[in-house]
């Protein structure tokens, strides 16, 4: 078997440490172990009870495993539920605030909006108090607090917010989008 060049082995080793993916070298090249080991919130296994930003999770895994651009994964998805960000208000707060209205719900299904008149989703301790924006949510958002199973993406969904978030998370892994990874696999 021909030895893998040291610089390639180092790149793969560093990338493996950052992503948690395991590799082995075979006579045919590099093989990724068949079971994907997921570590961290960015690529965690999702469940019915924890289905937060699934499109970002899928875009990251598709990119890291197959070199699929995050734009392709995000732009080709037409299932609204895949874009949801779930936020919950703790007992320290009275409710939420959105589009200049106080809301009393404790859980919100948030989506990025292209409509600049849509505000961010915040939380408040009492009416008149400072409204705190939820972390990792868009500046312009819309809320759908009903069953979204089977609903299609609506025109006001801002896919660019999700694309930018996916790219930022890849950078957090130490992956530079411009370099790509397709050639390594």
C-alpha atoms as a PDB file:
ATOM      1  CA  UNK A   1       0.000   0.000   0.000  1.00  0.00           C
ATOM      2  CA  UNK A   2       1.262   3.440  -0.938  1.00  0.00           C
ATOM      3  CA  UNK A   3       1.725   5.698   2.098  1.00  0.00           C
ATOM      4  CA  UNK A   4      -0.484   8.762   2.442  1.00  0.00           C
ATOM      5  CA  UNK A   5       1.674  11.924   2.338  1.00  0.00           C
ATOM      6  CA  UNK A   6       2.434  13.312   5.807  1.00  0.00           C
ATOM      7  CA  UNK A   7       0.801  16.683   5.081  1.00  0.00           C
ATOM      8  CA  UNK A   8      -2.446  14.996   3.974  1.00  0.00           C
ATOM      9  CA  UNK A   9      -2.397  12.761   7.047  1.00  0.00           C
ATOM     10  CA  UNK A  10      -1.939  15.839   9.300  1.00  0.00           C
ATOM     11  CA  UNK A  11      -4.792  17.747   7.610  1.00  0.00           C
ATOM     12  CA  UNK A  12      -7.100  14.757   7.996  1.00  0.00           C
ATOM     13  CA  UNK A  13      -6.030  14.218  11.606  1.00  0.00           C
ATOM     14  CA  UNK A  14      -6.655  17.882  12.499  1.00  0.00           C
ATOM     15  CA  UNK A  15     -10.015  17.866  10.704  1.00  0.00           C
ATOM     16  CA  UNK A  16     -10.954  14.615  12.440  1.00  0.00           C
ATOM     17  CA  UNK A  17     -10.264  16.155  15.849  1.00  0.00           C
ATOM     18  CA  UNK A  18     -12.394  19.208  15.019  1.00  0.00           C
ATOM     19  CA  UNK A  19     -15.350  17.324  13.577  1.00  0.00           C
ATOM     20  CA  UNK A  20     -15.277  14.125  15.604  1.00  0.00           C
ATOM     21  CA  UNK A  21     -15.250  12.027  12.407  1.00  0.00           C
ATOM     22  CA  UNK A  22     -13.005   8.950  12.383  1.00  0.00           C
ATOM     23  CA  UNK A  23     -10.922   7.955   9.367  1.00  0.00           C
ATOM     24  CA  UNK A  24      -8.852   4.977   8.357  1.00  0.00           C
ATOM     25  CA  UNK A  25      -6.401   4.676   5.501  1.00  0.00           C
ATOM     26  CA  UNK A  26      -6.865   1.777   3.091  1.00  0.00           C
ATOM     27  CA  UNK A  27      -5.155   0.638  -0.086  1.00  0.00           C
ATOM     28  CA  UNK A  28      -7.885   2.477  -2.002  1.00  0.00           C
ATOM     29  CA  UNK A  29      -7.492   5.736  -0.153  1.00  0.00           C
ATOM     30  CA  UNK A  30      -9.226   7.250   2.830  1.00  0.00           C
ATOM     31  CA  UNK A  31     -12.350   5.735   4.315  1.00  0.00           C
ATOM     32  CA  UNK A  32     -14.703   7.342   6.791  1.00  0.00           C
ATOM     33  CA  UNK A  33     -16.029   4.931   9.391  1.00  0.00           C
ATOM     34  CA  UNK A  34     -19.592   4.106   8.432  1.00  0.00           C
ATOM     35  CA  UNK A  35     -21.192   5.259  11.703  1.00  0.00           C
ATOM     36  CA  UNK A  36     -21.242   9.014  12.026  1.00  0.00           C
ATOM     37  CA  UNK A  37     -20.271   9.980  15.555  1.00  0.00           C
ATOM     38  CA  UNK A  38     -21.965  13.272  16.397  1.00  0.00           C
ATOM     39  CA  UNK A  39     -20.565  15.512  19.102  1.00  0.00           C
ATOM     40  CA  UNK A  40     -21.745  18.924  20.184  1.00  0.00           C
ATOM     41  CA  UNK A  41     -24.877  20.955  19.663  1.00  0.00           C
ATOM     42  CA  UNK A  42     -24.054  21.879  16.061  1.00  0.00           C
ATOM     43  CA  UNK A  43     -24.476  18.376  14.636  1.00  0.00           C
ATOM     44  CA  UNK A  44     -26.336  16.537  17.403  1.00  0.00           C
ATOM     45  CA  UNK A  45     -28.801  13.788  16.633  1.00  0.00           C
ATOM     46  CA  UNK A  46     -32.293  15.323  16.590  1.00  0.00           C
ATOM     47  CA  UNK A  47     -35.460  13.937  18.151  1.00  0.00           C
ATOM     48  CA  UNK A  48     -39.147  14.867  18.266  1.00  0.00           C
ATOM     49  CA  UNK A  49     -38.525  16.589  21.607  1.00  0.00           C
ATOM     50  CA  UNK A  50     -35.397  18.384  20.450  1.00  0.00           C
ATOM     51  CA  UNK A  51     -35.919  19.551  16.867  1.00  0.00           C
ATOM     52  CA  UNK A  52     -34.115  22.890  16.859  1.00  0.00           C
ATOM     53  CA  UNK A  53     -32.674  24.294  13.587  1.00  0.00           C
ATOM     54  CA  UNK A  54     -32.607  20.892  11.871  1.00  0.00           C
ATOM     55  CA  UNK A  55     -31.747  22.441   8.489  1.00  0.00           C
ATOM     56  CA  UNK A  56     -28.502  23.816   9.922  1.00  0.00           C
ATOM     57  CA  UNK A  57     -27.626  20.424  11.371  1.00  0.00           C
ATOM     58  CA  UNK A  58     -28.302  18.748   8.009  1.00  0.00           C
ATOM     59  CA  UNK A  59     -26.364  21.399   6.053  1.00  0.00           C
ATOM     60  CA  UNK A  60     -23.295  20.947   8.277  1.00  0.00           C
ATOM     61  CA  UNK A  61     -23.339  17.156   8.061  1.00  0.00           C
ATOM     62  CA  UNK A  62     -23.972  17.203   4.277  1.00  0.00           C
ATOM     63  CA  UNK A  63     -21.047  19.588   3.818  1.00  0.00           C
ATOM     64  CA  UNK A  64     -18.613  17.754   6.090  1.00  0.00           C
ATOM     65  CA  UNK A  65     -19.518  14.256   4.881  1.00  0.00           C
ATOM     66  CA  UNK A  66     -20.132  14.859   1.171  1.00  0.00           C
ATOM     67  CA  UNK A  67     -18.931  18.360   0.316  1.00  0.00           C
ATOM     68  CA  UNK A  68     -22.488  19.530  -0.508  1.00  0.00           C
ATOM     69  CA  UNK A  69     -22.565  23.352  -0.326  1.00  0.00           C
ATOM     70  CA  UNK A  70     -24.705  24.604   2.551  1.00  0.00           C
ATOM     71  CA  UNK A  71     -26.601  26.771   0.055  1.00  0.00           C
ATOM     72  CA  UNK A  72     -27.728  23.644  -1.821  1.00  0.00           C
ATOM     73  CA  UNK A  73     -29.025  21.888   1.289  1.00  0.00           C
ATOM     74  CA  UNK A  74     -30.832  24.992   2.572  1.00  0.00           C
ATOM     75  CA  UNK A  75     -32.217  26.229  -0.761  1.00  0.00           C
ATOM     76  CA  UNK A  76     -33.479  22.764  -1.760  1.00  0.00           C
ATOM     77  CA  UNK A  77     -35.498  22.229   1.414  1.00  0.00           C
ATOM     78  CA  UNK A  78     -39.176  23.214   1.269  1.00  0.00           C
ATOM     79  CA  UNK A  79     -40.344  21.845   4.633  1.00  0.00           C
ATOM     80  CA  UNK A  80     -41.031  24.697   7.068  1.00  0.00           C
ATOM     81  CA  UNK A  81     -40.407  22.619  10.201  1.00  0.00           C
ATOM     82  CA  UNK A  82     -36.774  22.116   9.155  1.00  0.00           C
ATOM     83  CA  UNK A  83     -36.129  25.859   9.655  1.00  0.00           C
ATOM     84  CA  UNK A  84     -37.628  26.228  13.138  1.00  0.00           C
ATOM     85  CA  UNK A  85     -35.715  27.632  16.080  1.00  0.00           C
ATOM     86  CA  UNK A  86     -37.392  26.698  19.353  1.00  0.00           C
ATOM     87  CA  UNK A  87     -37.054  29.132  22.255  1.00  0.00           C
ATOM     88  CA  UNK A  88     -38.473  28.734  25.751  1.00  0.00           C
ATOM     89  CA  UNK A  89     -39.050  31.380  28.374  1.00  0.00           C
ATOM     90  CA  UNK A  90     -37.800  30.487  31.827  1.00  0.00           C
ATOM     91  CA  UNK A  91     -39.717  31.177  35.010  1.00  0.00           C
ATOM     92  CA  UNK A  92     -37.580  34.322  35.461  1.00  0.00           C
ATOM     93  CA  UNK A  93     -39.574  36.023  32.693  1.00  0.00           C
ATOM     94  CA  UNK A  94     -43.230  36.866  32.294  1.00  0.00           C
ATOM     95  CA  UNK A  95     -43.451  36.347  28.522  1.00  0.00           C
ATOM     96  CA  UNK A  96     -42.248  37.189  25.057  1.00  0.00           C
ATOM     97  CA  UNK A  97     -42.267  40.325  22.945  1.00  0.00           C
ATOM     98  CA  UNK A  98     -42.579  40.462  19.163  1.00  0.00           C
ATOM     99  CA  UNK A  99     -43.766  43.091  16.677  1.00  0.00           C
ATOM    100  CA  UNK A 100     -44.430  45.567  19.509  1.00  0.00           C
ATOM    101  CA  UNK A 101     -46.752  43.167  21.362  1.00  0.00           C
ATOM    102  CA  UNK A 102     -46.392  41.416  24.684  1.00  0.00           C
ATOM    103  CA  UNK A 103     -46.935  37.668  24.401  1.00  0.00           C
ATOM    104  CA  UNK A 104     -47.750  35.315  27.267  1.00  0.00           C
ATOM    105  CA  UNK A 105     -46.724  32.018  25.662  1.00  0.00           C
ATOM    106  CA  UNK A 106     -43.696  30.282  27.173  1.00  0.00           C
ATOM    107  CA  UNK A 107     -42.476  28.482  24.021  1.00  0.00           C
ATOM    108  CA  UNK A 108     -42.073  29.888  20.524  1.00  0.00           C
ATOM    109  CA  UNK A 109     -41.339  28.398  17.118  1.00  0.00           C
ATOM    110  CA  UNK A 110     -39.261  31.133  15.428  1.00  0.00           C
ATOM    111  CA  UNK A 111     -38.294  31.528  11.761  1.00  0.00           C
ATOM    112  CA  UNK A 112     -36.053  34.086  10.027  1.00  0.00           C
ATOM    113  CA  UNK A 113     -38.084  36.643   8.069  1.00  0.00           C
ATOM    114  CA  UNK A 114     -37.262  38.670   4.948  1.00  0.00           C
ATOM    115  CA  UNK A 115     -39.855  41.217   6.087  1.00  0.00           C
ATOM    116  CA  UNK A 116     -37.877  43.994   7.781  1.00  0.00           C
ATOM    117  CA  UNK A 117     -41.029  45.143   9.600  1.00  0.00           C
ATOM    118  CA  UNK A 118     -40.947  41.894  11.577  1.00  0.00           C
ATOM    119  CA  UNK A 119     -38.974  42.453  14.789  1.00  0.00           C
ATOM    120  CA  UNK A 120     -36.798  40.091  16.747  1.00  0.00           C
ATOM    121  CA  UNK A 121     -38.321  37.872  19.434  1.00  0.00           C
ATOM    122  CA  UNK A 122     -37.498  39.017  22.945  1.00  0.00           C
ATOM    123  CA  UNK A 123     -38.421  38.204  26.527  1.00  0.00           C
ATOM    124  CA  UNK A 124     -39.470  40.480  29.366  1.00  0.00           C
ATOM    125  CA  UNK A 125     -39.695  40.279  33.155  1.00  0.00           C
ATOM    126  CA  UNK A 126     -42.591  42.726  33.473  1.00  0.00           C
ATOM    127  CA  UNK A 127     -44.380  45.107  31.107  1.00  0.00           C
ATOM    128  CA  UNK A 128     -42.245  48.191  30.620  1.00  0.00           C
ATOM    129  CA  UNK A 129     -38.998  46.355  31.447  1.00  0.00           C
ATOM    130  CA  UNK A 130     -36.145  46.122  28.977  1.00  0.00           C
ATOM    131  CA  UNK A 131     -36.819  43.467  26.347  1.00  0.00           C
ATOM    132  CA  UNK A 132     -33.960  40.997  25.930  1.00  0.00           C
ATOM    133  CA  UNK A 133     -33.481  39.410  22.494  1.00  0.00           C
ATOM    134  CA  UNK A 134     -33.206  35.638  22.502  1.00  0.00           C
ATOM    135  CA  UNK A 135     -29.686  34.494  21.662  1.00  0.00           C
ATOM    136  CA  UNK A 136     -29.078  32.883  18.263  1.00  0.00           C
ATOM    137  CA  UNK A 137     -32.328  34.154  16.782  1.00  0.00           C
ATOM    138  CA  UNK A 138     -32.758  36.431  13.746  1.00  0.00           C
ATOM    139  CA  UNK A 139     -33.174  40.215  13.927  1.00  0.00           C
ATOM    140  CA  UNK A 140     -36.303  39.856  11.794  1.00  0.00           C
ATOM    141  CA  UNK A 141     -38.485  36.895  12.693  1.00  0.00           C
ATOM    142  CA  UNK A 142     -41.937  35.443  12.372  1.00  0.00           C
ATOM    143  CA  UNK A 143     -43.580  32.999  14.756  1.00  0.00           C
ATOM    144  CA  UNK A 144     -45.717  29.976  13.957  1.00  0.00           C
ATOM    145  CA  UNK A 145     -46.940  28.528  17.248  1.00  0.00           C
ATOM    146  CA  UNK A 146     -49.166  25.862  15.817  1.00  0.00           C
ATOM    147  CA  UNK A 147     -48.492  22.457  14.328  1.00  0.00           C
ATOM    148  CA  UNK A 148     -46.116  22.934  11.385  1.00  0.00           C
ATOM    149  CA  UNK A 149     -45.961  19.278  10.347  1.00  0.00           C
ATOM    150  CA  UNK A 150     -46.628  19.113   6.620  1.00  0.00           C
ATOM    151  CA  UNK A 151     -46.368  22.884   6.038  1.00  0.00           C
ATOM    152  CA  UNK A 152     -44.278  24.147   3.127  1.00  0.00           C
ATOM    153  CA  UNK A 153     -41.776  27.000   3.308  1.00  0.00           C
ATOM    154  CA  UNK A 154     -43.411  30.413   2.937  1.00  0.00           C
ATOM    155  CA  UNK A 155     -42.055  33.231   0.747  1.00  0.00           C
ATOM    156  CA  UNK A 156     -41.093  35.417   3.687  1.00  0.00           C
ATOM    157  CA  UNK A 157     -38.622  32.827   5.046  1.00  0.00           C
ATOM    158  CA  UNK A 158     -35.136  34.359   4.925  1.00  0.00           C
ATOM    159  CA  UNK A 159     -32.976  31.455   3.730  1.00  0.00           C
ATOM    160  CA  UNK A 160     -29.887  33.696   3.701  1.00  0.00           C
ATOM    161  CA  UNK A 161     -30.003  33.908   7.524  1.00  0.00           C
ATOM    162  CA  UNK A 162     -29.758  30.101   7.706  1.00  0.00           C
ATOM    163  CA  UNK A 163     -26.991  29.972   5.084  1.00  0.00           C
ATOM    164  CA  UNK A 164     -24.947  32.554   6.996  1.00  0.00           C
ATOM    165  CA  UNK A 165     -25.473  30.694  10.268  1.00  0.00           C
ATOM    166  CA  UNK A 166     -24.378  27.384   8.714  1.00  0.00           C
ATOM    167  CA  UNK A 167     -21.225  28.997   7.309  1.00  0.00           C
ATOM    168  CA  UNK A 168     -20.436  30.571  10.671  1.00  0.00           C
ATOM    169  CA  UNK A 169     -20.788  27.231  12.412  1.00  0.00           C
ATOM    170  CA  UNK A 170     -18.492  25.582   9.865  1.00  0.00           C
ATOM    171  CA  UNK A 171     -15.945  28.293  10.607  1.00  0.00           C
ATOM    172  CA  UNK A 172     -16.394  27.507  14.320  1.00  0.00           C
ATOM    173  CA  UNK A 173     -15.282  23.953  13.418  1.00  0.00           C
ATOM    174  CA  UNK A 174     -12.209  25.494  11.766  1.00  0.00           C
ATOM    175  CA  UNK A 175     -13.465  24.782   8.249  1.00  0.00           C
ATOM    176  CA  UNK A 176     -12.934  27.541   5.720  1.00  0.00           C
ATOM    177  CA  UNK A 177     -15.690  27.396   3.114  1.00  0.00           C
ATOM    178  CA  UNK A 178     -13.460  28.696   0.302  1.00  0.00           C
ATOM    179  CA  UNK A 179     -11.050  25.782   0.725  1.00  0.00           C
ATOM    180  CA  UNK A 180     -13.781  23.172   0.485  1.00  0.00           C
ATOM    181  CA  UNK A 181     -13.399  19.577   1.600  1.00  0.00           C
ATOM    182  CA  UNK A 182     -14.631  17.638  -1.398  1.00  0.00           C
ATOM    183  CA  UNK A 183     -11.093  16.800  -2.515  1.00  0.00           C
ATOM    184  CA  UNK A 184     -10.197  15.175   0.806  1.00  0.00           C
ATOM    185  CA  UNK A 185     -12.968  12.626   0.730  1.00  0.00           C
END
